Amino acid sequence: MNSEKTAQQPALGADTPPAYVPPAEPSHARTPVEEPQPSSAAPVEQPAGVHLHPPAPQPQPDAAQLGEQYRAELFARCAQGVHDPTTKYGMCGIITAVLCFPCGLICLFSDAEQRCDRCGVKL
């Protein structure tokens, strides 16, 4: 009968370590530990009329308020001198640049106008 058991079990070679079996824990090993409280700390008492409530949630601004705030920030940038310039060229400068190519570019750049996209001020 021993020969049958050894034949069914695979032979453990010398190069494989034995399987790990954790030791059984005794039942008294898991007792709760009470932490000592410091004796110098006095308990905090609340006055009778004071109730602690969590702060009320702040109302979310609606889309109109957000848009107004964004527009005010953009105009504040323009007031500080940080503009968003765009350059537009006049019709006369474009025609002169095409017809008289090398010299016409001088007319094109002299006919240019720069304006701020946000506030419309001419720069």
PDB file of N, CA and C in Angstrom:
ATOM      1  N   MET A   1       0.822  -1.182   0.000  1.00  0.00           N
ATOM      2  CA  MET A   1       0.000   0.000   0.000  1.00  0.00           C
ATOM      3  C   MET A   1       0.870   1.251   0.000  1.00  0.00           C
ATOM      4  N   ASN A   2       1.991   1.242   0.673  1.00  0.00           N
ATOM      5  CA  ASN A   2       2.923   2.356   0.673  1.00  0.00           C
ATOM      6  C   ASN A   2       3.469   2.610  -0.714  1.00  0.00           C
ATOM      7  N   SER A   3       3.663   1.572  -1.444  1.00  0.00           N
ATOM      8  CA  SER A   3       4.192   1.745  -2.794  1.00  0.00           C
ATOM      9  C   SER A   3       3.171   2.417  -3.688  1.00  0.00           C
ATOM     10  N   GLU A   4       1.882   2.219  -3.446  1.00  0.00           N
ATOM     11  CA  GLU A   4       0.847   2.886  -4.243  1.00  0.00           C
ATOM     12  C   GLU A   4       0.811   4.381  -3.950  1.00  0.00           C
ATOM     13  N   LYS A   5       0.953   4.786  -2.691  1.00  0.00           N
ATOM     14  CA  LYS A   5       0.929   6.202  -2.331  1.00  0.00           C
ATOM     15  C   LYS A   5       2.138   6.925  -2.899  1.00  0.00           C
ATOM     16  N   THR A   6       3.249   6.307  -2.832  1.00  0.00           N
ATOM     17  CA  THR A   6       4.432   6.970  -3.367  1.00  0.00           C
ATOM     18  C   THR A   6       4.388   7.043  -4.878  1.00  0.00           C
ATOM     19  N   ALA A   7       3.687   6.094  -5.501  1.00  0.00           N
ATOM     20  CA  ALA A   7       3.585   6.116  -6.950  1.00  0.00           C
ATOM     21  C   ALA A   7       2.630   7.222  -7.404  1.00  0.00           C
ATOM     22  N   GLN A   8       1.585   7.509  -6.608  1.00  0.00           N
ATOM     23  CA  GLN A   8       0.629   8.543  -6.985  1.00  0.00           C
ATOM     24  C   GLN A   8       1.174   9.943  -6.722  1.00  0.00           C
ATOM     25  N   GLN A   9       1.959  10.113  -5.663  1.00  0.00           N
ATOM     26  CA  GLN A   9       2.502  11.426  -5.344  1.00  0.00           C
ATOM     27  C   GLN A   9       3.739  11.673  -6.198  1.00  0.00           C
ATOM     28  N   PRO A  10       3.886  12.874  -6.728  1.00  0.00           N
ATOM     29  CA  PRO A  10       5.084  13.154  -7.509  1.00  0.00           C
ATOM     30  C   PRO A  10       6.283  13.213  -6.581  1.00  0.00           C
ATOM     31  N   ALA A  11       7.354  12.746  -7.042  1.00  0.00           N
ATOM     32  CA  ALA A  11       8.566  12.717  -6.240  1.00  0.00           C
ATOM     33  C   ALA A  11       9.106  14.139  -6.140  1.00  0.00           C
ATOM     34  N   LEU A  12       9.398  14.577  -4.916  1.00  0.00           N
ATOM     35  CA  LEU A  12       9.962  15.901  -4.696  1.00  0.00           C
ATOM     36  C   LEU A  12      11.448  15.826  -4.919  1.00  0.00           C
ATOM     37  N   GLY A  13      11.931  16.634  -5.800  1.00  0.00           N
ATOM     38  CA  GLY A  13      13.353  16.626  -6.097  1.00  0.00           C
ATOM     39  C   GLY A  13      14.108  17.452  -5.072  1.00  0.00           C
ATOM     40  N   ALA A  14      15.360  17.374  -5.092  1.00  0.00           N
ATOM     41  CA  ALA A  14      16.194  18.104  -4.152  1.00  0.00           C
ATOM     42  C   ALA A  14      16.223  19.595  -4.491  1.00  0.00           C
ATOM     43  N   ASP A  15      15.852  19.976  -5.734  1.00  0.00           N
ATOM     44  CA  ASP A  15      15.915  21.375  -6.130  1.00  0.00           C
ATOM     45  C   ASP A  15      14.629  22.147  -5.850  1.00  0.00           C
ATOM     46  N   THR A  16      13.552  21.547  -5.326  1.00  0.00           N
ATOM     47  CA  THR A  16      12.321  22.272  -4.993  1.00  0.00           C
ATOM     48  C   THR A  16      12.195  22.371  -3.483  1.00  0.00           C
ATOM     49  N   PRO A  17      11.938  23.572  -2.955  1.00  0.00           N
ATOM     50  CA  PRO A  17      11.802  23.734  -1.507  1.00  0.00           C
ATOM     51  C   PRO A  17      10.458  23.194  -1.034  1.00  0.00           C
ATOM     52  N   PRO A  18      10.341  22.859   0.219  1.00  0.00           N
ATOM     53  CA  PRO A  18       9.059  22.360   0.745  1.00  0.00           C
ATOM     54  C   PRO A  18       8.048  23.495   0.806  1.00  0.00           C
ATOM     55  N   ALA A  19       6.767  23.191   0.719  1.00  0.00           N
ATOM     56  CA  ALA A  19       5.696  24.193   0.740  1.00  0.00           C
ATOM     57  C   ALA A  19       5.615  24.820   2.120  1.00  0.00           C
ATOM     58  N   TYR A  20       5.270  26.125   2.170  1.00  0.00           N
ATOM     59  CA  TYR A  20       5.165  26.860   3.426  1.00  0.00           C
ATOM     60  C   TYR A  20       3.802  26.612   4.046  1.00  0.00           C
ATOM     61  N   VAL A  21       3.803  26.240   5.303  1.00  0.00           N
ATOM     62  CA  VAL A  21       2.572  26.029   6.058  1.00  0.00           C
ATOM     63  C   VAL A  21       2.626  26.990   7.234  1.00  0.00           C
ATOM     64  N   PRO A  22       1.700  28.003   7.285  1.00  0.00           N
ATOM     65  CA  PRO A  22       1.738  28.969   8.382  1.00  0.00           C
ATOM     66  C   PRO A  22       1.368  28.297   9.693  1.00  0.00           C
ATOM     67  N   PRO A  23       1.981  28.706  10.782  1.00  0.00           N
ATOM     68  CA  PRO A  23       1.650  28.111  12.081  1.00  0.00           C
ATOM     69  C   PRO A  23       0.261  28.546  12.527  1.00  0.00           C
ATOM     70  N   ALA A  24      -0.420  27.711  13.220  1.00  0.00           N
ATOM     71  CA  ALA A  24      -1.760  28.014  13.724  1.00  0.00           C
ATOM     72  C   ALA A  24      -1.635  28.986  14.892  1.00  0.00           C
ATOM     73  N   GLU A  25      -2.506  30.025  14.911  1.00  0.00           N
ATOM     74  CA  GLU A  25      -2.472  31.019  15.981  1.00  0.00           C
ATOM     75  C   GLU A  25      -3.332  30.542  17.132  1.00  0.00           C
ATOM     76  N   PRO A  26      -2.870  30.721  18.343  1.00  0.00           N
ATOM     77  CA  PRO A  26      -3.707  30.356  19.496  1.00  0.00           C
ATOM     78  C   PRO A  26      -4.874  31.333  19.624  1.00  0.00           C
ATOM     79  N   SER A  27      -5.935  30.914  20.213  1.00  0.00           N
ATOM     80  CA  SER A  27      -7.143  31.733  20.316  1.00  0.00           C
ATOM     81  C   SER A  27      -6.938  32.942  21.228  1.00  0.00           C
ATOM     82  N   HIS A  28      -6.022  32.875  22.160  1.00  0.00           N
ATOM     83  CA  HIS A  28      -5.799  33.998  23.073  1.00  0.00           C
ATOM     84  C   HIS A  28      -4.893  35.069  22.464  1.00  0.00           C
ATOM     85  N   ALA A  29      -4.360  34.882  21.262  1.00  0.00           N
ATOM     86  CA  ALA A  29      -3.440  35.839  20.642  1.00  0.00           C
ATOM     87  C   ALA A  29      -4.158  37.096  20.146  1.00  0.00           C
ATOM     88  N   ARG A  30      -5.435  37.021  19.914  1.00  0.00           N
ATOM     89  CA  ARG A  30      -6.167  38.175  19.367  1.00  0.00           C
ATOM     90  C   ARG A  30      -7.056  38.828  20.413  1.00  0.00           C
ATOM     91  N   THR A  31      -6.502  39.287  21.477  1.00  0.00           N
ATOM     92  CA  THR A  31      -7.276  39.997  22.489  1.00  0.00           C
ATOM     93  C   THR A  31      -7.146  41.492  22.227  1.00  0.00           C
ATOM     94  N   PRO A  32      -8.241  42.244  22.318  1.00  0.00           N
ATOM     95  CA  PRO A  32      -8.156  43.690  22.059  1.00  0.00           C
ATOM     96  C   PRO A  32      -7.343  44.382  23.145  1.00  0.00           C
ATOM     97  N   VAL A  33      -6.539  45.346  22.733  1.00  0.00           N
ATOM     98  CA  VAL A  33      -5.703  46.094  23.654  1.00  0.00           C
ATOM     99  C   VAL A  33      -6.330  47.463  23.851  1.00  0.00           C
ATOM    100  N   GLU A  34      -6.564  47.827  25.088  1.00  0.00           N
ATOM    101  CA  GLU A  34      -7.136  49.132  25.392  1.00  0.00           C
ATOM    102  C   GLU A  34      -6.009  50.142  25.526  1.00  0.00           C
ATOM    103  N   GLU A  35      -6.168  51.281  24.854  1.00  0.00           N
ATOM    104  CA  GLU A  35      -5.149  52.314  24.915  1.00  0.00           C
ATOM    105  C   GLU A  35      -5.403  53.198  26.132  1.00  0.00           C
ATOM    106  N   PRO A  36      -4.372  53.496  26.881  1.00  0.00           N
ATOM    107  CA  PRO A  36      -4.577  54.365  28.054  1.00  0.00           C
ATOM    108  C   PRO A  36      -4.824  55.803  27.613  1.00  0.00           C
ATOM    109  N   GLN A  37      -5.772  56.456  28.269  1.00  0.00           N
ATOM    110  CA  GLN A  37      -6.076  57.849  27.958  1.00  0.00           C
ATOM    111  C   GLN A  37      -5.217  58.748  28.827  1.00  0.00           C
ATOM    112  N   PRO A  38      -4.728  59.845  28.266  1.00  0.00           N
ATOM    113  CA  PRO A  38      -3.902  60.741  29.080  1.00  0.00           C
ATOM    114  C   PRO A  38      -4.729  61.359  30.192  1.00  0.00           C
ATOM    115  N   SER A  39      -4.167  61.397  31.368  1.00  0.00           N
ATOM    116  CA  SER A  39      -4.898  61.896  32.531  1.00  0.00           C
ATOM    117  C   SER A  39      -4.890  63.414  32.593  1.00  0.00           C
ATOM    118  N   SER A  40      -3.981  64.074  31.860  1.00  0.00           N
ATOM    119  CA  SER A  40      -3.881  65.530  31.936  1.00  0.00           C
ATOM    120  C   SER A  40      -4.932  66.230  31.072  1.00  0.00           C
ATOM    121  N   ALA A  41      -5.510  65.554  30.104  1.00  0.00           N
ATOM    122  CA  ALA A  41      -6.489  66.181  29.217  1.00  0.00           C
ATOM    123  C   ALA A  41      -7.858  66.204  29.885  1.00  0.00           C
ATOM    124  N   ALA A  42      -8.424  67.378  29.978  1.00  0.00           N
ATOM    125  CA  ALA A  42      -9.752  67.519  30.564  1.00  0.00           C
ATOM    126  C   ALA A  42     -10.784  67.368  29.454  1.00  0.00           C
ATOM    127  N   PRO A  43     -11.926  66.757  29.739  1.00  0.00           N
ATOM    128  CA  PRO A  43     -12.953  66.615  28.705  1.00  0.00           C
ATOM    129  C   PRO A  43     -13.502  67.992  28.310  1.00  0.00           C
ATOM    130  N   VAL A  44     -13.758  68.187  27.018  1.00  0.00           N
ATOM    131  CA  VAL A  44     -14.260  69.453  26.509  1.00  0.00           C
ATOM    132  C   VAL A  44     -15.776  69.443  26.618  1.00  0.00           C
ATOM    133  N   GLU A  45     -16.299  70.481  27.228  1.00  0.00           N
ATOM    134  CA  GLU A  45     -17.751  70.576  27.399  1.00  0.00           C
ATOM    135  C   GLU A  45     -18.281  71.698  26.526  1.00  0.00           C
ATOM    136  N   GLN A  46     -19.427  71.459  25.900  1.00  0.00           N
ATOM    137  CA  GLN A  46     -20.085  72.455  25.069  1.00  0.00           C
ATOM    138  C   GLN A  46     -21.039  73.262  25.952  1.00  0.00           C
ATOM    139  N   PRO A  47     -21.097  74.579  25.740  1.00  0.00           N
ATOM    140  CA  PRO A  47     -22.117  75.362  26.453  1.00  0.00           C
ATOM    141  C   PRO A  47     -23.506  74.881  26.048  1.00  0.00           C
ATOM    142  N   ALA A  48     -24.457  75.115  26.912  1.00  0.00           N
ATOM    143  CA  ALA A  48     -25.797  74.569  26.705  1.00  0.00           C
ATOM    144  C   ALA A  48     -26.468  75.086  25.435  1.00  0.00           C
ATOM    145  N   GLY A  49     -26.280  76.338  25.066  1.00  0.00           N
ATOM    146  CA  GLY A  49     -26.984  76.905  23.921  1.00  0.00           C
ATOM    147  C   GLY A  49     -26.243  76.792  22.599  1.00  0.00           C
ATOM    148  N   VAL A  50     -25.055  76.203  22.571  1.00  0.00           N
ATOM    149  CA  VAL A  50     -24.254  76.148  21.352  1.00  0.00           C
ATOM    150  C   VAL A  50     -24.466  74.807  20.653  1.00  0.00           C
ATOM    151  N   HIS A  51     -24.818  74.873  19.370  1.00  0.00           N
ATOM    152  CA  HIS A  51     -24.970  73.667  18.558  1.00  0.00           C
ATOM    153  C   HIS A  51     -24.002  73.774  17.394  1.00  0.00           C
ATOM    154  N   LEU A  52     -23.237  72.738  17.163  1.00  0.00           N
ATOM    155  CA  LEU A  52     -22.302  72.745  16.047  1.00  0.00           C
ATOM    156  C   LEU A  52     -22.989  72.198  14.809  1.00  0.00           C
ATOM    157  N   HIS A  53     -23.064  73.026  13.776  1.00  0.00           N
ATOM    158  CA  HIS A  53     -23.663  72.619  12.515  1.00  0.00           C
ATOM    159  C   HIS A  53     -22.585  72.723  11.429  1.00  0.00           C
ATOM    160  N   PRO A  54     -22.611  71.847  10.447  1.00  0.00           N
ATOM    161  CA  PRO A  54     -21.656  71.997   9.342  1.00  0.00           C
ATOM    162  C   PRO A  54     -21.987  73.255   8.558  1.00  0.00           C
ATOM    163  N   PRO A  55     -20.990  73.894   7.953  1.00  0.00           N
ATOM    164  CA  PRO A  55     -21.275  75.120   7.199  1.00  0.00           C
ATOM    165  C   PRO A  55     -22.197  74.831   6.021  1.00  0.00           C
ATOM    166  N   ALA A  56     -23.040  75.790   5.725  1.00  0.00           N
ATOM    167  CA  ALA A  56     -23.986  75.635   4.620  1.00  0.00           C
ATOM    168  C   ALA A  56     -23.221  75.629   3.304  1.00  0.00           C
ATOM    169  N   PRO A  57     -23.621  74.799   2.354  1.00  0.00           N
ATOM    170  CA  PRO A  57     -22.911  74.780   1.063  1.00  0.00           C
ATOM    171  C   PRO A  57     -23.099  76.099   0.322  1.00  0.00           C
ATOM    172  N   GLN A  58     -22.043  76.542  -0.341  1.00  0.00           N
ATOM    173  CA  GLN A  58     -22.100  77.788  -1.089  1.00  0.00           C
ATOM    174  C   GLN A  58     -22.926  77.584  -2.361  1.00  0.00           C
ATOM    175  N   PRO A  59     -23.834  78.505  -2.662  1.00  0.00           N
ATOM    176  CA  PRO A  59     -24.625  78.359  -3.887  1.00  0.00           C
ATOM    177  C   PRO A  59     -23.727  78.537  -5.118  1.00  0.00           C
ATOM    178  N   GLN A  60     -23.937  77.713  -6.126  1.00  0.00           N
ATOM    179  CA  GLN A  60     -23.165  77.791  -7.359  1.00  0.00           C
ATOM    180  C   GLN A  60     -23.719  78.923  -8.224  1.00  0.00           C
ATOM    181  N   PRO A  61     -22.821  79.771  -8.761  1.00  0.00           N
ATOM    182  CA  PRO A  61     -23.325  80.859  -9.618  1.00  0.00           C
ATOM    183  C   PRO A  61     -23.871  80.296 -10.929  1.00  0.00           C
ATOM    184  N   ASP A  62     -24.908  80.944 -11.432  1.00  0.00           N
ATOM    185  CA  ASP A  62     -25.492  80.468 -12.683  1.00  0.00           C
ATOM    186  C   ASP A  62     -24.657  80.949 -13.874  1.00  0.00           C
ATOM    187  N   ALA A  63     -25.068  80.564 -15.061  1.00  0.00           N
ATOM    188  CA  ALA A  63     -24.292  80.831 -16.274  1.00  0.00           C
ATOM    189  C   ALA A  63     -24.165  82.329 -16.544  1.00  0.00           C
ATOM    190  N   ALA A  64     -25.203  83.097 -16.264  1.00  0.00           N
ATOM    191  CA  ALA A  64     -25.150  84.541 -16.518  1.00  0.00           C
ATOM    192  C   ALA A  64     -24.121  85.220 -15.612  1.00  0.00           C
ATOM    193  N   GLN A  65     -24.062  84.802 -14.352  1.00  0.00           N
ATOM    194  CA  GLN A  65     -23.083  85.382 -13.434  1.00  0.00           C
ATOM    195  C   GLN A  65     -21.659  85.003 -13.836  1.00  0.00           C
ATOM    196  N   LEU A  66     -21.462  83.754 -14.262  1.00  0.00           N
ATOM    197  CA  LEU A  66     -20.139  83.323 -14.699  1.00  0.00           C
ATOM    198  C   LEU A  66     -19.700  84.095 -15.943  1.00  0.00           C
ATOM    199  N   GLY A  67     -20.605  84.290 -16.880  1.00  0.00           N
ATOM    200  CA  GLY A  67     -20.284  85.043 -18.092  1.00  0.00           C
ATOM    201  C   GLY A  67     -19.936  86.487 -17.787  1.00  0.00           C
ATOM    202  N   GLU A  68     -20.674  87.095 -16.898  1.00  0.00           N
ATOM    203  CA  GLU A  68     -20.410  88.481 -16.509  1.00  0.00           C
ATOM    204  C   GLU A  68     -19.048  88.603 -15.823  1.00  0.00           C
ATOM    205  N   GLN A  69     -18.724  87.639 -14.972  1.00  0.00           N
ATOM    206  CA  GLN A  69     -17.437  87.647 -14.280  1.00  0.00           C
ATOM    207  C   GLN A  69     -16.288  87.473 -15.284  1.00  0.00           C
ATOM    208  N   TYR A  70     -16.458  86.582 -16.252  1.00  0.00           N
ATOM    209  CA  TYR A  70     -15.438  86.355 -17.279  1.00  0.00           C
ATOM    210  C   TYR A  70     -15.221  87.605 -18.119  1.00  0.00           C
ATOM    211  N   ARG A  71     -16.303  88.248 -18.513  1.00  0.00           N
ATOM    212  CA  ARG A  71     -16.197  89.470 -19.319  1.00  0.00           C
ATOM    213  C   ARG A  71     -15.501  90.578 -18.538  1.00  0.00           C
ATOM    214  N   ALA A  72     -15.806  90.677 -17.248  1.00  0.00           N
ATOM    215  CA  ALA A  72     -15.161  91.695 -16.413  1.00  0.00           C
ATOM    216  C   ALA A  72     -13.657  91.435 -16.306  1.00  0.00           C
ATOM    217  N   GLU A  73     -13.260  90.168 -16.219  1.00  0.00           N
ATOM    218  CA  GLU A  73     -11.829  89.842 -16.169  1.00  0.00           C
ATOM    219  C   GLU A  73     -11.132  90.213 -17.474  1.00  0.00           C
ATOM    220  N   LEU A  74     -11.798  89.958 -18.599  1.00  0.00           N
ATOM    221  CA  LEU A  74     -11.194  90.306 -19.892  1.00  0.00           C
ATOM    222  C   LEU A  74     -11.031  91.818 -20.043  1.00  0.00           C
ATOM    223  N   PHE A  75     -12.049  92.583 -19.637  1.00  0.00           N
ATOM    224  CA  PHE A  75     -11.943  94.035 -19.729  1.00  0.00           C
ATOM    225  C   PHE A  75     -10.897  94.567 -18.752  1.00  0.00           C
ATOM    226  N   ALA A  76     -10.710  93.882 -17.625  1.00  0.00           N
ATOM    227  CA  ALA A  76      -9.667  94.301 -16.686  1.00  0.00           C
ATOM    228  C   ALA A  76      -8.288  94.108 -17.307  1.00  0.00           C
ATOM    229  N   ARG A  77      -8.122  93.061 -18.095  1.00  0.00           N
ATOM    230  CA  ARG A  77      -6.844  92.856 -18.791  1.00  0.00           C
ATOM    231  C   ARG A  77      -6.593  93.993 -19.777  1.00  0.00           C
ATOM    232  N   CYS A  78      -7.625  94.389 -20.503  1.00  0.00           N
ATOM    233  CA  CYS A  78      -7.468  95.489 -21.460  1.00  0.00           C
ATOM    234  C   CYS A  78      -7.140  96.795 -20.722  1.00  0.00           C
ATOM    235  N   ALA A  79      -7.743  96.993 -19.546  1.00  0.00           N
ATOM    236  CA  ALA A  79      -7.466  98.198 -18.776  1.00  0.00           C
ATOM    237  C   ALA A  79      -6.021  98.220 -18.291  1.00  0.00           C
ATOM    238  N   GLN A  80      -5.426  97.039 -18.093  1.00  0.00           N
ATOM    239  CA  GLN A  80      -4.022  96.958 -17.674  1.00  0.00           C
ATOM    240  C   GLN A  80      -3.077  97.090 -18.856  1.00  0.00           C
ATOM    241  N   GLY A  81      -3.600  97.093 -20.064  1.00  0.00           N
ATOM    242  CA  GLY A  81      -2.766  97.243 -21.252  1.00  0.00           C
ATOM    243  C   GLY A  81      -2.437  95.938 -21.942  1.00  0.00           C
ATOM    244  N   VAL A  82      -3.032  94.834 -21.510  1.00  0.00           N
ATOM    245  CA  VAL A  82      -2.799  93.539 -22.150  1.00  0.00           C
ATOM    246  C   VAL A  82      -3.939  93.322 -23.145  1.00  0.00           C
ATOM    247  N   HIS A  83      -3.744  93.806 -24.364  1.00  0.00           N
ATOM    248  CA  HIS A  83      -4.782  93.723 -25.390  1.00  0.00           C
ATOM    249  C   HIS A  83      -4.621  92.460 -26.230  1.00  0.00           C
ATOM    250  N   ASP A  84      -5.638  92.159 -27.014  1.00  0.00           N
ATOM    251  CA  ASP A  84      -5.617  91.032 -27.956  1.00  0.00           C
ATOM    252  C   ASP A  84      -5.691  91.640 -29.362  1.00  0.00           C
ATOM    253  N   PRO A  85      -4.525  91.987 -29.932  1.00  0.00           N
ATOM    254  CA  PRO A  85      -4.544  92.747 -31.189  1.00  0.00           C
ATOM    255  C   PRO A  85      -4.833  91.889 -32.416  1.00  0.00           C
ATOM    256  N   THR A  86      -5.526  92.499 -33.379  1.00  0.00           N
ATOM    257  CA  THR A  86      -5.717  91.917 -34.706  1.00  0.00           C
ATOM    258  C   THR A  86      -5.356  92.982 -35.722  1.00  0.00           C
ATOM    259  N   THR A  87      -4.768  92.527 -36.788  1.00  0.00           N
ATOM    260  CA  THR A  87      -4.350  93.459 -37.841  1.00  0.00           C
ATOM    261  C   THR A  87      -5.255  93.279 -39.054  1.00  0.00           C
ATOM    262  N   LYS A  88      -5.802  94.389 -39.542  1.00  0.00           N
ATOM    263  CA  LYS A  88      -6.623  94.369 -40.756  1.00  0.00           C
ATOM    264  C   LYS A  88      -5.959  95.289 -41.766  1.00  0.00           C
ATOM    265  N   TYR A  89      -5.926  94.815 -43.003  1.00  0.00           N
ATOM    266  CA  TYR A  89      -5.293  95.576 -44.070  1.00  0.00           C
ATOM    267  C   TYR A  89      -6.373  96.219 -44.930  1.00  0.00           C
ATOM    268  N   GLY A  90      -6.105  97.445 -45.368  1.00  0.00           N
ATOM    269  CA  GLY A  90      -7.050  98.172 -46.206  1.00  0.00           C
ATOM    270  C   GLY A  90      -7.042  97.663 -47.645  1.00  0.00           C
ATOM    271  N   MET A  91      -8.131  97.934 -48.350  1.00  0.00           N
ATOM    272  CA  MET A  91      -8.287  97.481 -49.737  1.00  0.00           C
ATOM    273  C   MET A  91      -7.232  98.113 -50.642  1.00  0.00           C
ATOM    274  N   CYS A  92      -6.945  99.383 -50.463  1.00  0.00           N
ATOM    275  CA  CYS A  92      -5.959 100.069 -51.302  1.00  0.00           C
ATOM    276  C   CYS A  92      -4.571  99.456 -51.129  1.00  0.00           C
ATOM    277  N   GLY A  93      -4.194  99.111 -49.908  1.00  0.00           N
ATOM    278  CA  GLY A  93      -2.896  98.494 -49.649  1.00  0.00           C
ATOM    279  C   GLY A  93      -2.784  97.115 -50.263  1.00  0.00           C
ATOM    280  N   ILE A  94      -3.869  96.337 -50.255  1.00  0.00           N
ATOM    281  CA  ILE A  94      -3.850  94.988 -50.833  1.00  0.00           C
ATOM    282  C   ILE A  94      -3.685  95.067 -52.353  1.00  0.00           C
ATOM    283  N   ILE A  95      -4.450  95.959 -53.004  1.00  0.00           N
ATOM    284  CA  ILE A  95      -4.377  96.090 -54.476  1.00  0.00           C
ATOM    285  C   ILE A  95      -2.992  96.580 -54.897  1.00  0.00           C
ATOM    286  N   THR A  96      -2.451  97.568 -54.188  1.00  0.00           N
ATOM    287  CA  THR A  96      -1.126  98.082 -54.519  1.00  0.00           C
ATOM    288  C   THR A  96      -0.052  97.009 -54.319  1.00  0.00           C
ATOM    289  N   ALA A  97      -0.183  96.166 -53.269  1.00  0.00           N
ATOM    290  CA  ALA A  97       0.790  95.101 -53.011  1.00  0.00           C
ATOM    291  C   ALA A  97       0.761  94.058 -54.118  1.00  0.00           C
ATOM    292  N   VAL A  98      -0.420  93.788 -54.695  1.00  0.00           N
ATOM    293  CA  VAL A  98      -0.515  92.787 -55.764  1.00  0.00           C
ATOM    294  C   VAL A  98       0.013  93.355 -57.078  1.00  0.00           C
ATOM    295  N   LEU A  99      -0.402  94.591 -57.442  1.00  0.00           N
ATOM    296  CA  LEU A  99      -0.014  95.172 -58.729  1.00  0.00           C
ATOM    297  C   LEU A  99       1.462  95.587 -58.766  1.00  0.00           C
ATOM    298  N   CYS A 100       1.951  96.200 -57.727  1.00  0.00           N
ATOM    299  CA  CYS A 100       3.346  96.667 -57.680  1.00  0.00           C
ATOM    300  C   CYS A 100       4.057  95.860 -56.608  1.00  0.00           C
ATOM    301  N   PHE A 101       4.309  94.578 -56.881  1.00  0.00           N
ATOM    302  CA  PHE A 101       4.705  93.631 -55.839  1.00  0.00           C
ATOM    303  C   PHE A 101       5.832  94.079 -54.918  1.00  0.00           C
ATOM    304  N   PRO A 102       7.011  94.276 -55.355  1.00  0.00           N
ATOM    305  CA  PRO A 102       8.008  94.522 -54.304  1.00  0.00           C
ATOM    306  C   PRO A 102       7.776  95.846 -53.578  1.00  0.00           C
ATOM    307  N   CYS A 103       7.450  96.884 -54.318  1.00  0.00           N
ATOM    308  CA  CYS A 103       7.261  98.191 -53.686  1.00  0.00           C
ATOM    309  C   CYS A 103       5.867  98.330 -53.067  1.00  0.00           C
ATOM    310  N   GLY A 104       4.922  97.550 -53.524  1.00  0.00           N
ATOM    311  CA  GLY A 104       3.551  97.633 -53.026  1.00  0.00           C
ATOM    312  C   GLY A 104       3.398  97.149 -51.588  1.00  0.00           C
ATOM    313  N   LEU A 105       4.362  96.334 -51.116  1.00  0.00           N
ATOM    314  CA  LEU A 105       4.299  95.868 -49.729  1.00  0.00           C
ATOM    315  C   LEU A 105       4.437  97.026 -48.742  1.00  0.00           C
ATOM    316  N   ILE A 106       5.157  98.058 -49.148  1.00  0.00           N
ATOM    317  CA  ILE A 106       5.296  99.239 -48.280  1.00  0.00           C
ATOM    318  C   ILE A 106       3.925  99.875 -48.088  1.00  0.00           C
ATOM    319  N   CYS A 107       3.148  99.971 -49.174  1.00  0.00           N
ATOM    320  CA  CYS A 107       1.791 100.525 -49.081  1.00  0.00           C
ATOM    321  C   CYS A 107       0.883  99.626 -48.240  1.00  0.00           C
ATOM    322  N   LEU A 108       1.064  98.295 -48.380  1.00  0.00           N
ATOM    323  CA  LEU A 108       0.236  97.351 -47.617  1.00  0.00           C
ATOM    324  C   LEU A 108       0.448  97.539 -46.119  1.00  0.00           C
ATOM    325  N   PHE A 109       1.707  97.613 -45.702  1.00  0.00           N
ATOM    326  CA  PHE A 109       1.977  97.737 -44.267  1.00  0.00           C
ATOM    327  C   PHE A 109       1.656  99.120 -43.720  1.00  0.00           C
ATOM    328  N   SER A 110       1.675 100.135 -44.557  1.00  0.00           N
ATOM    329  CA  SER A 110       1.295 101.470 -44.087  1.00  0.00           C
ATOM    330  C   SER A 110      -0.227 101.623 -44.019  1.00  0.00           C
ATOM    331  N   ASP A 111      -0.964 100.763 -44.745  1.00  0.00           N
ATOM    332  CA  ASP A 111      -2.433 100.803 -44.739  1.00  0.00           C
ATOM    333  C   ASP A 111      -3.019  99.858 -43.677  1.00  0.00           C
ATOM    334  N   ALA A 112      -2.189  99.236 -42.857  1.00  0.00           N
ATOM    335  CA  ALA A 112      -2.665  98.281 -41.843  1.00  0.00           C
ATOM    336  C   ALA A 112      -3.242  99.019 -40.629  1.00  0.00           C
ATOM    337  N   GLU A 113      -4.210  98.393 -39.999  1.00  0.00           N
ATOM    338  CA  GLU A 113      -4.829  98.950 -38.796  1.00  0.00           C
ATOM    339  C   GLU A 113      -4.911  97.862 -37.733  1.00  0.00           C
ATOM    340  N   GLN A 114      -4.419  98.157 -36.546  1.00  0.00           N
ATOM    341  CA  GLN A 114      -4.484  97.193 -35.444  1.00  0.00           C
ATOM    342  C   GLN A 114      -5.535  97.635 -34.437  1.00  0.00           C
ATOM    343  N   ARG A 115      -6.402  96.691 -34.061  1.00  0.00           N
ATOM    344  CA  ARG A 115      -7.447  96.929 -33.057  1.00  0.00           C
ATOM    345  C   ARG A 115      -7.478  95.767 -32.077  1.00  0.00           C
ATOM    346  N   CYS A 116      -7.935  96.048 -30.882  1.00  0.00           N
ATOM    347  CA  CYS A 116      -8.096  95.004 -29.864  1.00  0.00           C
ATOM    348  C   CYS A 116      -9.412  94.280 -30.120  1.00  0.00           C
ATOM    349  N   ASP A 117      -9.364  92.941 -30.098  1.00  0.00           N
ATOM    350  CA  ASP A 117     -10.590  92.149 -30.310  1.00  0.00           C
ATOM    351  C   ASP A 117     -11.575  92.300 -29.160  1.00  0.00           C
ATOM    352  N   ARG A 118     -11.086  92.472 -27.951  1.00  0.00           N
ATOM    353  CA  ARG A 118     -11.971  92.524 -26.782  1.00  0.00           C
ATOM    354  C   ARG A 118     -12.680  93.867 -26.637  1.00  0.00           C
ATOM    355  N   CYS A 119     -11.867  94.935 -26.652  1.00  0.00           N
ATOM    356  CA  CYS A 119     -12.473  96.243 -26.357  1.00  0.00           C
ATOM    357  C   CYS A 119     -12.634  97.125 -27.575  1.00  0.00           C
ATOM    358  N   GLY A 120     -11.999  96.797 -28.699  1.00  0.00           N
ATOM    359  CA  GLY A 120     -12.159  97.563 -29.926  1.00  0.00           C
ATOM    360  C   GLY A 120     -11.308  98.811 -30.006  1.00  0.00           C
ATOM    361  N   VAL A 121     -10.385  99.009 -29.099  1.00  0.00           N
ATOM    362  CA  VAL A 121      -9.523 100.183 -29.101  1.00  0.00           C
ATOM    363  C   VAL A 121      -8.498 100.072 -30.223  1.00  0.00           C
ATOM    364  N   LYS A 122      -8.229 101.200 -30.901  1.00  0.00           N
ATOM    365  CA  LYS A 122      -7.236 101.210 -31.971  1.00  0.00           C
ATOM    366  C   LYS A 122      -5.858 101.319 -31.329  1.00  0.00           C
ATOM    367  N   LEU A 123      -4.988 100.379 -31.677  1.00  0.00           N
ATOM    368  CA  LEU A 123      -3.646 100.337 -31.075  1.00  0.00           C
ATOM    369  C   LEU A 123      -2.640 101.054 -31.941  1.00  0.00           C
TER     370      LEU A 123
END
